[in-house]
Amino acid sequence: MSSKIALHAGPAVGFDQPFEMLAACHERVRRSLDLLQRLQAHVARHGVDGQARSAAADVLRYFDLAGPAHHEDEERHVLPRLRRAGLADLAERLQTQHDEMGRLWALLRQPLQAWAAGEPADLPDELLHSYIDLYAVHMPLEEGQAFPAAAANLEEPALESMGKEMAERRQGGQR
């Protein structure tokens, strides 16, 4: 890769718009997944050089910190609303996908930690593509069905409370 591998700042959306924040997080997930894919190709061509170490650290940071916080947001604020709206099957499907993402991430972390430390490691294509493909199904389901259903008829005080809770859990850290 000729240019530096980097994550870019996401859209300027704040916790005062919690559903927009959740959707903006998906854009950062997409960029991080793209970086992960490019990183794997870069390591295959160039080995674990400085760019690879930096990119691996970026991917680890994103999916170790922001990923779990994002899933917790959804599990606290979206899935319960779906269940109350009679969409328990959708809520369970999303929860199952979160659980599988966590399982796959635990496997992906190992080679990424090695790369971040400058050490060689194998990141199997099938593992990487399983993770990416799961997100490719998951995010549109949330954006197209779950978020609109959870936000339906939600009054401003409930939105403010949701955003405040999300922000308070992140004090001292960033997405």
C-alpha atoms as a PDB file:
ATOM      1  CA  MET A   1       0.000   0.000   0.000  1.00  0.00           C
ATOM      2  CA  SER A   2       1.532   3.222  -1.039  1.00  0.00           C
ATOM      3  CA  SER A   3      -0.377   5.503   1.306  1.00  0.00           C
ATOM      4  CA  LYS A   4      -0.584   5.282   5.054  1.00  0.00           C
ATOM      5  CA  ILE A   5      -3.337   2.990   6.308  1.00  0.00           C
ATOM      6  CA  ALA A   6      -5.604   5.094   8.519  1.00  0.00           C
ATOM      7  CA  LEU A   7      -9.041   5.294   9.979  1.00  0.00           C
ATOM      8  CA  HIS A   8     -10.896   8.503   9.293  1.00  0.00           C
ATOM      9  CA  ALA A   9     -13.161  10.465  11.591  1.00  0.00           C
ATOM     10  CA  GLY A  10     -16.806   9.571  11.192  1.00  0.00           C
ATOM     11  CA  PRO A  11     -19.755  11.823  10.590  1.00  0.00           C
ATOM     12  CA  ALA A  12     -20.292  14.572  13.144  1.00  0.00           C
ATOM     13  CA  VAL A  13     -23.240  13.125  15.030  1.00  0.00           C
ATOM     14  CA  GLY A  14     -23.615  13.451  18.768  1.00  0.00           C
ATOM     15  CA  PHE A  15     -25.289  11.517  21.533  1.00  0.00           C
ATOM     16  CA  ASP A  16     -28.187  13.985  21.390  1.00  0.00           C
ATOM     17  CA  GLN A  17     -29.205  11.970  18.307  1.00  0.00           C
ATOM     18  CA  PRO A  18     -28.705   8.400  19.537  1.00  0.00           C
ATOM     19  CA  PHE A  19     -30.136   6.524  16.546  1.00  0.00           C
ATOM     20  CA  GLU A  20     -28.128   8.677  14.148  1.00  0.00           C
ATOM     21  CA  MET A  21     -25.095   7.942  16.340  1.00  0.00           C
ATOM     22  CA  LEU A  22     -25.724   4.205  16.042  1.00  0.00           C
ATOM     23  CA  ALA A  23     -25.966   4.504  12.253  1.00  0.00           C
ATOM     24  CA  ALA A  24     -22.790   6.645  12.147  1.00  0.00           C
ATOM     25  CA  CYS A  25     -21.011   3.911  14.099  1.00  0.00           C
ATOM     26  CA  HIS A  26     -21.914   1.519  11.293  1.00  0.00           C
ATOM     27  CA  GLU A  27     -20.060   3.732   8.839  1.00  0.00           C
ATOM     28  CA  ARG A  28     -16.983   3.522  11.097  1.00  0.00           C
ATOM     29  CA  VAL A  29     -17.433  -0.263  11.263  1.00  0.00           C
ATOM     30  CA  ARG A  30     -17.474  -0.398   7.462  1.00  0.00           C
ATOM     31  CA  ARG A  31     -14.256   1.630   7.265  1.00  0.00           C
ATOM     32  CA  SER A  32     -12.609  -0.547   9.918  1.00  0.00           C
ATOM     33  CA  LEU A  33     -13.630  -3.724   8.074  1.00  0.00           C
ATOM     34  CA  ASP A  34     -12.235  -2.270   4.854  1.00  0.00           C
ATOM     35  CA  LEU A  35      -8.998  -1.437   6.671  1.00  0.00           C
ATOM     36  CA  LEU A  36      -8.865  -4.986   8.033  1.00  0.00           C
ATOM     37  CA  GLN A  37      -9.265  -6.421   4.545  1.00  0.00           C
ATOM     38  CA  ARG A  38      -6.602  -4.109   3.093  1.00  0.00           C
ATOM     39  CA  LEU A  39      -4.331  -4.936   6.026  1.00  0.00           C
ATOM     40  CA  GLN A  40      -4.542  -8.655   5.343  1.00  0.00           C
ATOM     41  CA  ALA A  41      -3.627  -8.075   1.687  1.00  0.00           C
ATOM     42  CA  HIS A  42      -0.811  -5.709   2.687  1.00  0.00           C
ATOM     43  CA  VAL A  43       0.716  -8.248   5.088  1.00  0.00           C
ATOM     44  CA  ALA A  44       0.524 -10.943   2.416  1.00  0.00           C
ATOM     45  CA  ARG A  45       2.486  -8.702   0.002  1.00  0.00           C
ATOM     46  CA  HIS A  46       4.818  -6.768   2.299  1.00  0.00           C
ATOM     47  CA  GLY A  47       4.952  -8.590   5.599  1.00  0.00           C
ATOM     48  CA  VAL A  48       4.490  -6.980   8.984  1.00  0.00           C
ATOM     49  CA  ASP A  49       6.024  -3.578   8.348  1.00  0.00           C
ATOM     50  CA  GLY A  50       5.364  -0.288  10.123  1.00  0.00           C
ATOM     51  CA  GLN A  51       2.163   0.366   8.171  1.00  0.00           C
ATOM     52  CA  ALA A  52       0.845  -3.080   9.061  1.00  0.00           C
ATOM     53  CA  ARG A  53       1.687  -2.628  12.741  1.00  0.00           C
ATOM     54  CA  SER A  54      -0.093   0.730  12.823  1.00  0.00           C
ATOM     55  CA  ALA A  55      -3.153  -0.515  10.941  1.00  0.00           C
ATOM     56  CA  ALA A  56      -3.410  -3.614  13.131  1.00  0.00           C
ATOM     57  CA  ALA A  57      -3.334  -1.400  16.228  1.00  0.00           C
ATOM     58  CA  ASP A  58      -6.092   0.796  14.720  1.00  0.00           C
ATOM     59  CA  VAL A  59      -8.310  -2.192  13.969  1.00  0.00           C
ATOM     60  CA  LEU A  60      -7.722  -3.659  17.419  1.00  0.00           C
ATOM     61  CA  ARG A  61      -8.521  -0.359  19.093  1.00  0.00           C
ATOM     62  CA  TYR A  62     -11.755   0.051  17.130  1.00  0.00           C
ATOM     63  CA  PHE A  63     -13.143  -3.450  17.597  1.00  0.00           C
ATOM     64  CA  ASP A  64     -11.907  -3.815  21.181  1.00  0.00           C
ATOM     65  CA  LEU A  65     -13.435  -0.528  22.374  1.00  0.00           C
ATOM     66  CA  ALA A  66     -16.043   0.883  20.019  1.00  0.00           C
ATOM     67  CA  GLY A  67     -17.473  -2.435  18.843  1.00  0.00           C
ATOM     68  CA  PRO A  68     -18.458  -3.698  22.292  1.00  0.00           C
ATOM     69  CA  ALA A  69     -19.770  -0.246  23.313  1.00  0.00           C
ATOM     70  CA  HIS A  70     -21.895  -0.115  20.167  1.00  0.00           C
ATOM     71  CA  HIS A  71     -23.308  -3.590  20.771  1.00  0.00           C
ATOM     72  CA  GLU A  72     -24.057  -2.653  24.371  1.00  0.00           C
ATOM     73  CA  ASP A  73     -25.923   0.447  23.140  1.00  0.00           C
ATOM     74  CA  GLU A  74     -28.072  -1.745  20.941  1.00  0.00           C
ATOM     75  CA  GLU A  75     -28.603  -4.391  23.606  1.00  0.00           C
ATOM     76  CA  ARG A  76     -29.658  -1.768  26.162  1.00  0.00           C
ATOM     77  CA  HIS A  77     -31.701   0.537  23.949  1.00  0.00           C
ATOM     78  CA  VAL A  78     -32.727  -1.146  20.690  1.00  0.00           C
ATOM     79  CA  LEU A  79     -33.341  -4.826  21.422  1.00  0.00           C
ATOM     80  CA  PRO A  80     -35.654  -4.245  24.432  1.00  0.00           C
ATOM     81  CA  ARG A  81     -37.736  -1.798  22.364  1.00  0.00           C
ATOM     82  CA  LEU A  82     -37.996  -4.368  19.586  1.00  0.00           C
ATOM     83  CA  ARG A  83     -39.199  -7.002  22.039  1.00  0.00           C
ATOM     84  CA  ARG A  84     -41.817  -4.597  23.455  1.00  0.00           C
ATOM     85  CA  ALA A  85     -42.940  -3.824  19.894  1.00  0.00           C
ATOM     86  CA  GLY A  86     -43.608  -7.514  19.219  1.00  0.00           C
ATOM     87  CA  LEU A  87     -40.395  -8.014  17.233  1.00  0.00           C
ATOM     88  CA  ALA A  88     -38.745 -10.535  19.545  1.00  0.00           C
ATOM     89  CA  ASP A  89     -37.589 -12.683  16.612  1.00  0.00           C
ATOM     90  CA  LEU A  90     -35.700  -9.736  15.140  1.00  0.00           C
ATOM     91  CA  ALA A  91     -34.209  -8.878  18.531  1.00  0.00           C
ATOM     92  CA  GLU A  92     -33.046 -12.467  19.040  1.00  0.00           C
ATOM     93  CA  ARG A  93     -31.553 -12.634  15.553  1.00  0.00           C
ATOM     94  CA  LEU A  94     -29.563  -9.458  16.199  1.00  0.00           C
ATOM     95  CA  GLN A  95     -28.430 -10.708  19.615  1.00  0.00           C
ATOM     96  CA  THR A  96     -27.299 -13.997  18.080  1.00  0.00           C
ATOM     97  CA  GLN A  97     -25.338 -12.057  15.469  1.00  0.00           C
ATOM     98  CA  HIS A  98     -23.707  -9.933  18.198  1.00  0.00           C
ATOM     99  CA  ASP A  99     -22.688 -13.117  20.003  1.00  0.00           C
ATOM    100  CA  GLU A 100     -21.220 -14.596  16.817  1.00  0.00           C
ATOM    101  CA  MET A 101     -19.361 -11.351  16.081  1.00  0.00           C
ATOM    102  CA  GLY A 102     -17.832 -11.551  19.544  1.00  0.00           C
ATOM    103  CA  ARG A 103     -16.764 -15.148  18.961  1.00  0.00           C
ATOM    104  CA  LEU A 104     -15.217 -14.354  15.575  1.00  0.00           C
ATOM    105  CA  TRP A 105     -13.508 -11.231  16.906  1.00  0.00           C
ATOM    106  CA  ALA A 106     -11.816 -13.274  19.633  1.00  0.00           C
ATOM    107  CA  LEU A 107     -10.256 -15.387  16.868  1.00  0.00           C
ATOM    108  CA  LEU A 108      -9.330 -12.389  14.693  1.00  0.00           C
ATOM    109  CA  ARG A 109      -7.660 -10.583  17.594  1.00  0.00           C
ATOM    110  CA  GLN A 110      -4.873 -13.163  17.824  1.00  0.00           C
ATOM    111  CA  PRO A 111      -3.218 -12.489  14.458  1.00  0.00           C
ATOM    112  CA  LEU A 112      -3.922  -8.762  14.768  1.00  0.00           C
ATOM    113  CA  GLN A 113      -2.193  -8.622  18.146  1.00  0.00           C
ATOM    114  CA  ALA A 114       0.794 -10.388  16.620  1.00  0.00           C
ATOM    115  CA  TRP A 115       0.885  -7.953  13.697  1.00  0.00           C
ATOM    116  CA  ALA A 116       0.588  -4.955  16.015  1.00  0.00           C
ATOM    117  CA  ALA A 117       3.629  -6.331  17.849  1.00  0.00           C
ATOM    118  CA  GLY A 118       5.514  -6.746  14.559  1.00  0.00           C
ATOM    119  CA  GLU A 119       5.263 -10.525  14.543  1.00  0.00           C
ATOM    120  CA  PRO A 120       4.093 -12.736  11.684  1.00  0.00           C
ATOM    121  CA  ALA A 121       0.773 -14.550  12.019  1.00  0.00           C
ATOM    122  CA  ASP A 122      -1.795 -16.177   9.783  1.00  0.00           C
ATOM    123  CA  LEU A 123      -5.217 -14.580   9.392  1.00  0.00           C
ATOM    124  CA  PRO A 124      -7.311 -17.157   7.502  1.00  0.00           C
ATOM    125  CA  ASP A 125      -9.386 -15.800   4.607  1.00  0.00           C
ATOM    126  CA  GLU A 126     -12.451 -17.775   5.695  1.00  0.00           C
ATOM    127  CA  LEU A 127     -12.326 -16.262   9.196  1.00  0.00           C
ATOM    128  CA  LEU A 128     -11.952 -12.730   7.864  1.00  0.00           C
ATOM    129  CA  HIS A 129     -14.756 -13.194   5.341  1.00  0.00           C
ATOM    130  CA  SER A 130     -17.074 -14.771   7.917  1.00  0.00           C
ATOM    131  CA  TYR A 131     -16.650 -11.667  10.088  1.00  0.00           C
ATOM    132  CA  ILE A 132     -17.108  -9.229   7.209  1.00  0.00           C
ATOM    133  CA  ASP A 133     -20.064 -11.143   5.772  1.00  0.00           C
ATOM    134  CA  LEU A 134     -21.814 -11.253   9.137  1.00  0.00           C
ATOM    135  CA  TYR A 135     -21.550  -7.482   9.456  1.00  0.00           C
ATOM    136  CA  ALA A 136     -22.750  -7.125   5.836  1.00  0.00           C
ATOM    137  CA  VAL A 137     -25.998  -8.859   6.819  1.00  0.00           C
ATOM    138  CA  HIS A 138     -26.271  -7.364  10.301  1.00  0.00           C
ATOM    139  CA  MET A 139     -25.894  -3.634   9.682  1.00  0.00           C
ATOM    140  CA  PRO A 140     -28.548  -3.295   6.947  1.00  0.00           C
ATOM    141  CA  LEU A 141     -30.964  -5.278   9.121  1.00  0.00           C
ATOM    142  CA  GLU A 142     -30.450  -2.823  11.959  1.00  0.00           C
ATOM    143  CA  GLU A 143     -30.521   0.258   9.752  1.00  0.00           C
ATOM    144  CA  GLY A 144     -33.523  -0.836   7.696  1.00  0.00           C
ATOM    145  CA  GLN A 145     -35.661  -2.525  10.344  1.00  0.00           C
ATOM    146  CA  ALA A 146     -34.383  -2.442  13.914  1.00  0.00           C
ATOM    147  CA  PHE A 147     -33.484   1.230  14.325  1.00  0.00           C
ATOM    148  CA  PRO A 148     -36.686   2.565  12.708  1.00  0.00           C
ATOM    149  CA  ALA A 149     -38.851   0.173  14.744  1.00  0.00           C
ATOM    150  CA  ALA A 150     -37.047   1.002  17.997  1.00  0.00           C
ATOM    151  CA  ALA A 151     -37.245   4.746  17.325  1.00  0.00           C
ATOM    152  CA  ALA A 152     -40.917   4.718  16.346  1.00  0.00           C
ATOM    153  CA  ASN A 153     -43.054   6.821  18.673  1.00  0.00           C
ATOM    154  CA  LEU A 154     -40.078   7.520  20.932  1.00  0.00           C
ATOM    155  CA  GLU A 155     -40.607  10.827  22.711  1.00  0.00           C
ATOM    156  CA  GLU A 156     -37.838  13.422  23.049  1.00  0.00           C
ATOM    157  CA  PRO A 157     -37.245  12.768  26.792  1.00  0.00           C
ATOM    158  CA  ALA A 158     -36.642   9.069  26.058  1.00  0.00           C
ATOM    159  CA  LEU A 159     -34.213   9.953  23.264  1.00  0.00           C
ATOM    160  CA  GLU A 160     -32.387  12.372  25.568  1.00  0.00           C
ATOM    161  CA  SER A 161     -32.163   9.729  28.279  1.00  0.00           C
ATOM    162  CA  MET A 162     -30.852   7.159  25.802  1.00  0.00           C
ATOM    163  CA  GLY A 163     -28.192   9.541  24.467  1.00  0.00           C
ATOM    164  CA  LYS A 164     -27.176  10.610  27.958  1.00  0.00           C
ATOM    165  CA  GLU A 165     -26.750   6.991  29.090  1.00  0.00           C
ATOM    166  CA  MET A 166     -24.689   6.162  26.004  1.00  0.00           C
ATOM    167  CA  ALA A 167     -22.436   9.186  26.559  1.00  0.00           C
ATOM    168  CA  GLU A 168     -21.995   8.544  30.305  1.00  0.00           C
ATOM    169  CA  ARG A 169     -20.798   4.986  29.670  1.00  0.00           C
ATOM    170  CA  ARG A 170     -18.055   6.389  27.467  1.00  0.00           C
ATOM    171  CA  GLN A 171     -16.702   9.028  29.836  1.00  0.00           C
ATOM    172  CA  GLY A 172     -12.967   8.818  29.717  1.00  0.00           C
ATOM    173  CA  GLY A 173     -12.958   7.069  26.319  1.00  0.00           C
ATOM    174  CA  GLN A 174     -13.833   7.693  22.716  1.00  0.00           C
ATOM    175  CA  ARG A 175     -15.613   5.707  20.045  1.00  0.00           C
END
